Amino acid sequence: APTYDQLAATLTRVLGHPVEHVRLDDETFRAQLKGAGLPDWLSDSFVNLSSFIRHGKVAAVTPVIQDVLGRPARSLSQWIETNRSAFTSLPPPADTGKERR
């Protein structure tokens, strides 16, 4: 499964403009989610999921997509290209003041 840095690199390559992975600590991430209007339970769920991903706890690649759809999963690049308009219509992200990599 791709890391956040690999996802940013793939987005950059496919979309043709820089995409950064901005690392936020859990409290900053939670505050931004709450500031966007998410309820506490959902903000906490996203923070917990982000922690699991960051620590490699959901990195296993399984055959579920192929089993369910009856075809191989698309690559990340293929999926981004197919859904390009969803990325090109987004407003620019707010500056978090956090370290960018």
PDB file of N, CA and C in Angstrom:
ATOM      1  N   ALA A   1       0.845  -1.180   0.000  1.00  0.00           N
ATOM      2  CA  ALA A   1       0.000   0.000   0.000  1.00  0.00           C
ATOM      3  C   ALA A   1       0.891   1.243   0.000  1.00  0.00           C
ATOM      4  N   PRO A   2       0.510   2.273  -0.722  1.00  0.00           N
ATOM      5  CA  PRO A   2       1.359   3.466  -0.802  1.00  0.00           C
ATOM      6  C   PRO A   2       1.371   4.264   0.500  1.00  0.00           C
ATOM      7  N   THR A   3       2.481   4.932   0.744  1.00  0.00           N
ATOM      8  CA  THR A   3       2.587   5.850   1.878  1.00  0.00           C
ATOM      9  C   THR A   3       2.012   7.204   1.466  1.00  0.00           C
ATOM     10  N   TYR A   4       1.854   8.096   2.428  1.00  0.00           N
ATOM     11  CA  TYR A   4       1.393   9.451   2.099  1.00  0.00           C
ATOM     12  C   TYR A   4       2.369  10.149   1.145  1.00  0.00           C
ATOM     13  N   ASP A   5       3.680   9.961   1.365  1.00  0.00           N
ATOM     14  CA  ASP A   5       4.667  10.576   0.479  1.00  0.00           C
ATOM     15  C   ASP A   5       4.566  10.013  -0.939  1.00  0.00           C
ATOM     16  N   GLN A   6       4.356   8.700  -1.064  1.00  0.00           N
ATOM     17  CA  GLN A   6       4.194   8.097  -2.384  1.00  0.00           C
ATOM     18  C   GLN A   6       2.917   8.593  -3.054  1.00  0.00           C
ATOM     19  N   LEU A   7       1.851   8.764  -2.286  1.00  0.00           N
ATOM     20  CA  LEU A   7       0.603   9.301  -2.828  1.00  0.00           C
ATOM     21  C   LEU A   7       0.826  10.710  -3.369  1.00  0.00           C
ATOM     22  N   ALA A   8       1.515  11.554  -2.595  1.00  0.00           N
ATOM     23  CA  ALA A   8       1.796  12.922  -3.051  1.00  0.00           C
ATOM     24  C   ALA A   8       2.639  12.914  -4.318  1.00  0.00           C
ATOM     25  N   ALA A   9       3.642  12.037  -4.383  1.00  0.00           N
ATOM     26  CA  ALA A   9       4.490  11.953  -5.571  1.00  0.00           C
ATOM     27  C   ALA A   9       3.685  11.496  -6.789  1.00  0.00           C
ATOM     28  N   THR A  10       2.778  10.551  -6.594  1.00  0.00           N
ATOM     29  CA  THR A  10       1.950  10.074  -7.699  1.00  0.00           C
ATOM     30  C   THR A  10       0.987  11.164  -8.155  1.00  0.00           C
ATOM     31  N   LEU A  11       0.366  11.864  -7.219  1.00  0.00           N
ATOM     32  CA  LEU A  11      -0.510  12.985  -7.579  1.00  0.00           C
ATOM     33  C   LEU A  11       0.265  14.034  -8.362  1.00  0.00           C
ATOM     34  N   THR A  12       1.473  14.354  -7.918  1.00  0.00           N
ATOM     35  CA  THR A  12       2.312  15.335  -8.604  1.00  0.00           C
ATOM     36  C   THR A  12       2.579  14.895 -10.037  1.00  0.00           C
ATOM     37  N   ARG A  13       2.960  13.646 -10.224  1.00  0.00           N
ATOM     38  CA  ARG A  13       3.289  13.127 -11.550  1.00  0.00           C
ATOM     39  C   ARG A  13       2.055  13.118 -12.473  1.00  0.00           C
ATOM     40  N   VAL A  14       0.938  12.626 -11.979  1.00  0.00           N
ATOM     41  CA  VAL A  14      -0.247  12.479 -12.827  1.00  0.00           C
ATOM     42  C   VAL A  14      -0.916  13.830 -13.108  1.00  0.00           C
ATOM     43  N   LEU A  15      -1.001  14.684 -12.099  1.00  0.00           N
ATOM     44  CA  LEU A  15      -1.701  15.957 -12.271  1.00  0.00           C
ATOM     45  C   LEU A  15      -0.816  17.050 -12.870  1.00  0.00           C
ATOM     46  N   GLY A  16       0.510  16.847 -12.798  1.00  0.00           N
ATOM     47  CA  GLY A  16       1.411  17.803 -13.430  1.00  0.00           C
ATOM     48  C   GLY A  16       1.694  19.053 -12.630  1.00  0.00           C
ATOM     49  N   HIS A  17       1.406  19.037 -11.347  1.00  0.00           N
ATOM     50  CA  HIS A  17       1.773  20.168 -10.481  1.00  0.00           C
ATOM     51  C   HIS A  17       2.112  19.623  -9.099  1.00  0.00           C
ATOM     52  N   PRO A  18       2.904  20.372  -8.339  1.00  0.00           N
ATOM     53  CA  PRO A  18       3.361  19.860  -7.048  1.00  0.00           C
ATOM     54  C   PRO A  18       2.218  19.606  -6.062  1.00  0.00           C
ATOM     55  N   VAL A  19       2.267  18.455  -5.415  1.00  0.00           N
ATOM     56  CA  VAL A  19       1.354  18.104  -4.326  1.00  0.00           C
ATOM     57  C   VAL A  19       2.225  17.704  -3.159  1.00  0.00           C
ATOM     58  N   GLU A  20       1.994  18.316  -2.020  1.00  0.00           N
ATOM     59  CA  GLU A  20       2.825  18.052  -0.857  1.00  0.00           C
ATOM     60  C   GLU A  20       2.088  17.230   0.187  1.00  0.00           C
ATOM     61  N   HIS A  21       2.818  16.393   0.872  1.00  0.00           N
ATOM     62  CA  HIS A  21       2.309  15.710   2.060  1.00  0.00           C
ATOM     63  C   HIS A  21       2.696  16.569   3.248  1.00  0.00           C
ATOM     64  N   VAL A  22       1.710  17.178   3.887  1.00  0.00           N
ATOM     65  CA  VAL A  22       1.949  18.028   5.044  1.00  0.00           C
ATOM     66  C   VAL A  22       1.683  17.210   6.298  1.00  0.00           C
ATOM     67  N   ARG A  23       2.705  17.068   7.124  1.00  0.00           N
ATOM     68  CA  ARG A  23       2.580  16.282   8.353  1.00  0.00           C
ATOM     69  C   ARG A  23       1.994  17.152   9.465  1.00  0.00           C
ATOM     70  N   LEU A  24       0.872  16.708  10.000  1.00  0.00           N
ATOM     71  CA  LEU A  24       0.233  17.399  11.107  1.00  0.00           C
ATOM     72  C   LEU A  24       0.242  16.487  12.324  1.00  0.00           C
ATOM     73  N   ASP A  25       0.500  17.065  13.491  1.00  0.00           N
ATOM     74  CA  ASP A  25       0.357  16.254  14.699  1.00  0.00           C
ATOM     75  C   ASP A  25      -1.136  16.026  14.933  1.00  0.00           C
ATOM     76  N   ASP A  26      -1.454  15.040  15.750  1.00  0.00           N
ATOM     77  CA  ASP A  26      -2.855  14.653  15.947  1.00  0.00           C
ATOM     78  C   ASP A  26      -3.732  15.801  16.429  1.00  0.00           C
ATOM     79  N   GLU A  27      -3.227  16.606  17.342  1.00  0.00           N
ATOM     80  CA  GLU A  27      -4.054  17.694  17.885  1.00  0.00           C
ATOM     81  C   GLU A  27      -4.338  18.770  16.837  1.00  0.00           C
ATOM     82  N   THR A  28      -3.346  19.090  16.011  1.00  0.00           N
ATOM     83  CA  THR A  28      -3.568  20.073  14.945  1.00  0.00           C
ATOM     84  C   THR A  28      -4.568  19.532  13.935  1.00  0.00           C
ATOM     85  N   PHE A  29      -4.413  18.264  13.571  1.00  0.00           N
ATOM     86  CA  PHE A  29      -5.339  17.632  12.626  1.00  0.00           C
ATOM     87  C   PHE A  29      -6.756  17.648  13.196  1.00  0.00           C
ATOM     88  N   ARG A  30      -6.907  17.259  14.460  1.00  0.00           N
ATOM     89  CA  ARG A  30      -8.220  17.238  15.116  1.00  0.00           C
ATOM     90  C   ARG A  30      -8.832  18.650  15.118  1.00  0.00           C
ATOM     91  N   ALA A  31      -8.019  19.654  15.459  1.00  0.00           N
ATOM     92  CA  ALA A  31      -8.525  21.033  15.508  1.00  0.00           C
ATOM     93  C   ALA A  31      -8.989  21.498  14.127  1.00  0.00           C
ATOM     94  N   GLN A  32      -8.250  21.118  13.079  1.00  0.00           N
ATOM     95  CA  GLN A  32      -8.658  21.509  11.726  1.00  0.00           C
ATOM     96  C   GLN A  32      -9.962  20.821  11.322  1.00  0.00           C
ATOM     97  N   LEU A  33     -10.099  19.556  11.675  1.00  0.00           N
ATOM     98  CA  LEU A  33     -11.337  18.842  11.366  1.00  0.00           C
ATOM     99  C   LEU A  33     -12.526  19.465  12.096  1.00  0.00           C
ATOM    100  N   LYS A  34     -12.331  19.770  13.369  1.00  0.00           N
ATOM    101  CA  LYS A  34     -13.411  20.404  14.132  1.00  0.00           C
ATOM    102  C   LYS A  34     -13.726  21.784  13.567  1.00  0.00           C
ATOM    103  N   GLY A  35     -12.664  22.508  13.162  1.00  0.00           N
ATOM    104  CA  GLY A  35     -12.855  23.834  12.571  1.00  0.00           C
ATOM    105  C   GLY A  35     -13.628  23.784  11.265  1.00  0.00           C
ATOM    106  N   ALA A  36     -13.547  22.639  10.591  1.00  0.00           N
ATOM    107  CA  ALA A  36     -14.300  22.455   9.344  1.00  0.00           C
ATOM    108  C   ALA A  36     -15.736  22.015   9.614  1.00  0.00           C
ATOM    109  N   GLY A  37     -16.080  21.868  10.909  1.00  0.00           N
ATOM    110  CA  GLY A  37     -17.459  21.541  11.261  1.00  0.00           C
ATOM    111  C   GLY A  37     -17.731  20.079  11.543  1.00  0.00           C
ATOM    112  N   LEU A  38     -16.707  19.233  11.551  1.00  0.00           N
ATOM    113  CA  LEU A  38     -16.936  17.819  11.842  1.00  0.00           C
ATOM    114  C   LEU A  38     -17.212  17.633  13.332  1.00  0.00           C
ATOM    115  N   PRO A  39     -18.130  16.740  13.668  1.00  0.00           N
ATOM    116  CA  PRO A  39     -18.399  16.480  15.088  1.00  0.00           C
ATOM    117  C   PRO A  39     -17.209  15.753  15.731  1.00  0.00           C
ATOM    118  N   ASP A  40     -17.145  15.821  17.055  1.00  0.00           N
ATOM    119  CA  ASP A  40     -16.031  15.220  17.791  1.00  0.00           C
ATOM    120  C   ASP A  40     -15.820  13.761  17.431  1.00  0.00           C
ATOM    121  N   TRP A  41     -16.897  12.975  17.365  1.00  0.00           N
ATOM    122  CA  TRP A  41     -16.741  11.539  17.120  1.00  0.00           C
ATOM    123  C   TRP A  41     -16.110  11.266  15.764  1.00  0.00           C
ATOM    124  N   LEU A  42     -16.454  12.076  14.755  1.00  0.00           N
ATOM    125  CA  LEU A  42     -15.909  11.869  13.423  1.00  0.00           C
ATOM    126  C   LEU A  42     -14.467  12.387  13.340  1.00  0.00           C
ATOM    127  N   SER A  43     -14.203  13.522  13.969  1.00  0.00           N
ATOM    128  CA  SER A  43     -12.831  14.038  14.021  1.00  0.00           C
ATOM    129  C   SER A  43     -11.915  13.018  14.676  1.00  0.00           C
ATOM    130  N   ASP A  44     -12.350  12.457  15.799  1.00  0.00           N
ATOM    131  CA  ASP A  44     -11.553  11.447  16.495  1.00  0.00           C
ATOM    132  C   ASP A  44     -11.329  10.216  15.623  1.00  0.00           C
ATOM    133  N   SER A  45     -12.342   9.814  14.874  1.00  0.00           N
ATOM    134  CA  SER A  45     -12.215   8.653  13.989  1.00  0.00           C
ATOM    135  C   SER A  45     -11.173   8.901  12.904  1.00  0.00           C
ATOM    136  N   PHE A  46     -11.201  10.097  12.286  1.00  0.00           N
ATOM    137  CA  PHE A  46     -10.218  10.425  11.254  1.00  0.00           C
ATOM    138  C   PHE A  46      -8.801  10.497  11.833  1.00  0.00           C
ATOM    139  N   VAL A  47      -8.667  11.071  13.019  1.00  0.00           N
ATOM    140  CA  VAL A  47      -7.353  11.148  13.667  1.00  0.00           C
ATOM    141  C   VAL A  47      -6.829   9.746  13.965  1.00  0.00           C
ATOM    142  N   ASN A  48      -7.695   8.872  14.472  1.00  0.00           N
ATOM    143  CA  ASN A  48      -7.278   7.499  14.753  1.00  0.00           C
ATOM    144  C   ASN A  48      -6.890   6.764  13.471  1.00  0.00           C
ATOM    145  N   LEU A  49      -7.666   6.914  12.410  1.00  0.00           N
ATOM    146  CA  LEU A  49      -7.348   6.275  11.137  1.00  0.00           C
ATOM    147  C   LEU A  49      -6.008   6.787  10.608  1.00  0.00           C
ATOM    148  N   SER A  50      -5.786   8.090  10.691  1.00  0.00           N
ATOM    149  CA  SER A  50      -4.529   8.666  10.242  1.00  0.00           C
ATOM    150  C   SER A  50      -3.350   8.081  11.010  1.00  0.00           C
ATOM    151  N   SER A  51      -3.527   7.888  12.303  1.00  0.00           N
ATOM    152  CA  SER A  51      -2.473   7.291  13.131  1.00  0.00           C
ATOM    153  C   SER A  51      -2.199   5.853  12.697  1.00  0.00           C
ATOM    154  N   PHE A  52      -3.259   5.096  12.448  1.00  0.00           N
ATOM    155  CA  PHE A  52      -3.087   3.710  11.981  1.00  0.00           C
ATOM    156  C   PHE A  52      -2.301   3.684  10.671  1.00  0.00           C
ATOM    157  N   ILE A  53      -2.663   4.558   9.745  1.00  0.00           N
ATOM    158  CA  ILE A  53      -1.986   4.618   8.444  1.00  0.00           C
ATOM    159  C   ILE A  53      -0.524   5.019   8.634  1.00  0.00           C
ATOM    160  N   ARG A  54      -0.296   6.050   9.434  1.00  0.00           N
ATOM    161  CA  ARG A  54       1.057   6.554   9.677  1.00  0.00           C
ATOM    162  C   ARG A  54       1.970   5.477  10.259  1.00  0.00           C
ATOM    163  N   HIS A  55       1.413   4.601  11.069  1.00  0.00           N
ATOM    164  CA  HIS A  55       2.193   3.546  11.715  1.00  0.00           C
ATOM    165  C   HIS A  55       2.147   2.215  10.954  1.00  0.00           C
ATOM    166  N   GLY A  56       1.631   2.229   9.720  1.00  0.00           N
ATOM    167  CA  GLY A  56       1.659   1.045   8.860  1.00  0.00           C
ATOM    168  C   GLY A  56       0.706  -0.064   9.261  1.00  0.00           C
ATOM    169  N   LYS A  57      -0.328   0.272  10.036  1.00  0.00           N
ATOM    170  CA  LYS A  57      -1.238  -0.770  10.523  1.00  0.00           C
ATOM    171  C   LYS A  57      -2.328  -1.153   9.527  1.00  0.00           C
ATOM    172  N   VAL A  58      -2.416  -0.437   8.418  1.00  0.00           N
ATOM    173  CA  VAL A  58      -3.408  -0.778   7.391  1.00  0.00           C
ATOM    174  C   VAL A  58      -2.740  -0.878   6.022  1.00  0.00           C
ATOM    175  N   ALA A  59      -1.478  -1.299   6.004  1.00  0.00           N
ATOM    176  CA  ALA A  59      -0.699  -1.313   4.767  1.00  0.00           C
ATOM    177  C   ALA A  59      -0.820  -2.609   3.982  1.00  0.00           C
ATOM    178  N   ALA A  60      -1.544  -3.581   4.502  1.00  0.00           N
ATOM    179  CA  ALA A  60      -1.646  -4.870   3.811  1.00  0.00           C
ATOM    180  C   ALA A  60      -2.399  -4.716   2.494  1.00  0.00           C
ATOM    181  N   VAL A  61      -1.890  -5.367   1.478  1.00  0.00           N
ATOM    182  CA  VAL A  61      -2.564  -5.407   0.182  1.00  0.00           C
ATOM    183  C   VAL A  61      -3.266  -6.758   0.097  1.00  0.00           C
ATOM    184  N   THR A  62      -4.566  -6.712  -0.186  1.00  0.00           N
ATOM    185  CA  THR A  62      -5.361  -7.943  -0.215  1.00  0.00           C
ATOM    186  C   THR A  62      -6.043  -8.094  -1.583  1.00  0.00           C
ATOM    187  N   PRO A  63      -6.578  -9.258  -1.874  1.00  0.00           N
ATOM    188  CA  PRO A  63      -7.272  -9.474  -3.154  1.00  0.00           C
ATOM    189  C   PRO A  63      -8.755  -9.074  -3.122  1.00  0.00           C
ATOM    190  N   VAL A  64      -9.189  -8.331  -2.128  1.00  0.00           N
ATOM    191  CA  VAL A  64     -10.609  -8.027  -1.963  1.00  0.00           C
ATOM    192  C   VAL A  64     -11.198  -7.329  -3.188  1.00  0.00           C
ATOM    193  N   ILE A  65     -10.516  -6.334  -3.725  1.00  0.00           N
ATOM    194  CA  ILE A  65     -11.055  -5.610  -4.885  1.00  0.00           C
ATOM    195  C   ILE A  65     -11.286  -6.573  -6.044  1.00  0.00           C
ATOM    196  N   GLN A  66     -10.304  -7.389  -6.341  1.00  0.00           N
ATOM    197  CA  GLN A  66     -10.457  -8.347  -7.439  1.00  0.00           C
ATOM    198  C   GLN A  66     -11.568  -9.348  -7.137  1.00  0.00           C
ATOM    199  N   ASP A  67     -11.651  -9.802  -5.893  1.00  0.00           N
ATOM    200  CA  ASP A  67     -12.694 -10.759  -5.518  1.00  0.00           C
ATOM    201  C   ASP A  67     -14.090 -10.152  -5.681  1.00  0.00           C
ATOM    202  N   VAL A  68     -14.251  -8.898  -5.273  1.00  0.00           N
ATOM    203  CA  VAL A  68     -15.565  -8.250  -5.320  1.00  0.00           C
ATOM    204  C   VAL A  68     -15.927  -7.815  -6.734  1.00  0.00           C
ATOM    205  N   LEU A  69     -14.973  -7.202  -7.439  1.00  0.00           N
ATOM    206  CA  LEU A  69     -15.266  -6.661  -8.769  1.00  0.00           C
ATOM    207  C   LEU A  69     -15.060  -7.657  -9.900  1.00  0.00           C
ATOM    208  N   GLY A  70     -14.331  -8.726  -9.619  1.00  0.00           N
ATOM    209  CA  GLY A  70     -14.063  -9.707 -10.657  1.00  0.00           C
ATOM    210  C   GLY A  70     -13.021  -9.251 -11.659  1.00  0.00           C
ATOM    211  N   ARG A  71     -12.246  -8.247 -11.309  1.00  0.00           N
ATOM    212  CA  ARG A  71     -11.156  -7.750 -12.152  1.00  0.00           C
ATOM    213  C   ARG A  71     -10.079  -7.194 -11.236  1.00  0.00           C
ATOM    214  N   PRO A  72      -8.865  -7.075 -11.744  1.00  0.00           N
ATOM    215  CA  PRO A  72      -7.803  -6.502 -10.911  1.00  0.00           C
ATOM    216  C   PRO A  72      -8.102  -5.045 -10.553  1.00  0.00           C
ATOM    217  N   ALA A  73      -7.599  -4.625  -9.428  1.00  0.00           N
ATOM    218  CA  ALA A  73      -7.735  -3.222  -9.030  1.00  0.00           C
ATOM    219  C   ALA A  73      -6.936  -2.347  -9.991  1.00  0.00           C
ATOM    220  N   ARG A  74      -7.389  -1.117 -10.182  1.00  0.00           N
ATOM    221  CA  ARG A  74      -6.619  -0.163 -10.977  1.00  0.00           C
ATOM    222  C   ARG A  74      -5.434   0.319 -10.155  1.00  0.00           C
ATOM    223  N   SER A  75      -4.416   0.773 -10.838  1.00  0.00           N
ATOM    224  CA  SER A  75      -3.286   1.362 -10.129  1.00  0.00           C
ATOM    225  C   SER A  75      -3.711   2.729  -9.588  1.00  0.00           C
ATOM    226  N   LEU A  76      -2.952   3.225  -8.650  1.00  0.00           N
ATOM    227  CA  LEU A  76      -3.225   4.553  -8.100  1.00  0.00           C
ATOM    228  C   LEU A  76      -3.177   5.595  -9.209  1.00  0.00           C
ATOM    229  N   SER A  77      -2.195   5.496 -10.088  1.00  0.00           N
ATOM    230  CA  SER A  77      -2.087   6.448 -11.206  1.00  0.00           C
ATOM    231  C   SER A  77      -3.324   6.406 -12.088  1.00  0.00           C
ATOM    232  N   GLN A  78      -3.794   5.208 -12.399  1.00  0.00           N
ATOM    233  CA  GLN A  78      -4.995   5.072 -13.236  1.00  0.00           C
ATOM    234  C   GLN A  78      -6.208   5.691 -12.547  1.00  0.00           C
ATOM    235  N   TRP A  79      -6.348   5.444 -11.241  1.00  0.00           N
ATOM    236  CA  TRP A  79      -7.503   5.972 -10.524  1.00  0.00           C
ATOM    237  C   TRP A  79      -7.467   7.496 -10.481  1.00  0.00           C
ATOM    238  N   ILE A  80      -6.285   8.073 -10.238  1.00  0.00           N
ATOM    239  CA  ILE A  80      -6.158   9.533 -10.200  1.00  0.00           C
ATOM    240  C   ILE A  80      -6.490  10.115 -11.576  1.00  0.00           C
ATOM    241  N   GLU A  81      -5.969   9.507 -12.626  1.00  0.00           N
ATOM    242  CA  GLU A  81      -6.253  10.003 -13.980  1.00  0.00           C
ATOM    243  C   GLU A  81      -7.751   9.952 -14.271  1.00  0.00           C
ATOM    244  N   THR A  82      -8.418   8.863 -13.915  1.00  0.00           N
ATOM    245  CA  THR A  82      -9.857   8.725 -14.133  1.00  0.00           C
ATOM    246  C   THR A  82     -10.641   9.782 -13.365  1.00  0.00           C
ATOM    247  N   ASN A  83     -10.158  10.150 -12.193  1.00  0.00           N
ATOM    248  CA  ASN A  83     -10.862  11.094 -11.324  1.00  0.00           C
ATOM    249  C   ASN A  83     -10.194  12.464 -11.273  1.00  0.00           C
ATOM    250  N   ARG A  84      -9.433  12.785 -12.300  1.00  0.00           N
ATOM    251  CA  ARG A  84      -8.668  14.038 -12.365  1.00  0.00           C
ATOM    252  C   ARG A  84      -9.507  15.270 -12.021  1.00  0.00           C
ATOM    253  N   SER A  85     -10.729  15.344 -12.510  1.00  0.00           N
ATOM    254  CA  SER A  85     -11.554  16.539 -12.293  1.00  0.00           C
ATOM    255  C   SER A  85     -11.852  16.768 -10.812  1.00  0.00           C
ATOM    256  N   ALA A  86     -11.890  15.710 -10.025  1.00  0.00           N
ATOM    257  CA  ALA A  86     -12.133  15.870  -8.591  1.00  0.00           C
ATOM    258  C   ALA A  86     -10.965  16.582  -7.916  1.00  0.00           C
ATOM    259  N   PHE A  87      -9.778  16.454  -8.471  1.00  0.00           N
ATOM    260  CA  PHE A  87      -8.598  17.087  -7.895  1.00  0.00           C
ATOM    261  C   PHE A  87      -8.361  18.476  -8.450  1.00  0.00           C
ATOM    262  N   THR A  88      -8.703  18.705  -9.685  1.00  0.00           N
ATOM    263  CA  THR A  88      -8.424  19.997 -10.304  1.00  0.00           C
ATOM    264  C   THR A  88      -9.464  21.052  -9.947  1.00  0.00           C
ATOM    265  N   SER A  89     -10.579  20.654  -9.372  1.00  0.00           N
ATOM    266  CA  SER A  89     -11.611  21.627  -9.010  1.00  0.00           C
ATOM    267  C   SER A  89     -11.547  22.016  -7.534  1.00  0.00           C
ATOM    268  N   LEU A  90     -10.571  21.475  -6.791  1.00  0.00           N
ATOM    269  CA  LEU A  90     -10.456  21.789  -5.367  1.00  0.00           C
ATOM    270  C   LEU A  90      -9.786  23.134  -5.160  1.00  0.00           C
ATOM    271  N   PRO A  91     -10.204  23.896  -4.125  1.00  0.00           N
ATOM    272  CA  PRO A  91      -9.502  25.140  -3.808  1.00  0.00           C
ATOM    273  C   PRO A  91      -8.134  24.806  -3.217  1.00  0.00           C
ATOM    274  N   PRO A  92      -7.190  25.743  -3.259  1.00  0.00           N
ATOM    275  CA  PRO A  92      -5.879  25.468  -2.669  1.00  0.00           C
ATOM    276  C   PRO A  92      -6.004  25.271  -1.162  1.00  0.00           C
ATOM    277  N   PRO A  93      -5.150  24.419  -0.575  1.00  0.00           N
ATOM    278  CA  PRO A  93      -5.230  24.168   0.865  1.00  0.00           C
ATOM    279  C   PRO A  93      -4.816  25.388   1.664  1.00  0.00           C
ATOM    280  N   ALA A  94      -5.352  25.492   2.869  1.00  0.00           N
ATOM    281  CA  ALA A  94      -4.962  26.565   3.775  1.00  0.00           C
ATOM    282  C   ALA A  94      -3.553  26.295   4.275  1.00  0.00           C
ATOM    283  N   ASP A  95      -2.804  27.343   4.531  1.00  0.00           N
ATOM    284  CA  ASP A  95      -1.455  27.181   5.067  1.00  0.00           C
ATOM    285  C   ASP A  95      -1.571  26.809   6.535  1.00  0.00           C
ATOM    286  N   THR A  96      -0.998  25.673   6.891  1.00  0.00           N
ATOM    287  CA  THR A  96      -1.080  25.192   8.279  1.00  0.00           C
ATOM    288  C   THR A  96       0.083  25.698   9.116  1.00  0.00           C
ATOM    289  N   GLY A  97       1.122  26.211   8.469  1.00  0.00           N
ATOM    290  CA  GLY A  97       2.305  26.631   9.197  1.00  0.00           C
ATOM    291  C   GLY A  97       3.154  25.454   9.654  1.00  0.00           C
ATOM    292  N   LYS A  98       2.777  24.262   9.253  1.00  0.00           N
ATOM    293  CA  LYS A  98       3.511  23.057   9.646  1.00  0.00           C
ATOM    294  C   LYS A  98       4.560  22.716   8.615  1.00  0.00           C
ATOM    295  N   GLU A  99       5.478  21.856   9.012  1.00  0.00           N
ATOM    296  CA  GLU A  99       6.559  21.409   8.140  1.00  0.00           C
ATOM    297  C   GLU A  99       6.010  20.714   6.912  1.00  0.00           C
ATOM    298  N   ARG A 100       6.546  21.068   5.763  1.00  0.00           N
ATOM    299  CA  ARG A 100       6.132  20.452   4.503  1.00  0.00           C
ATOM    300  C   ARG A 100       7.269  19.588   3.990  1.00  0.00           C
ATOM    301  N   ARG A 101       6.927  18.414   3.459  1.00  0.00           N
ATOM    302  CA  ARG A 101       7.941  17.510   2.897  1.00  0.00           C
ATOM    303  C   ARG A 101       7.484  17.031   1.554  1.00  0.00           C
TER     304      ARG A 101
END
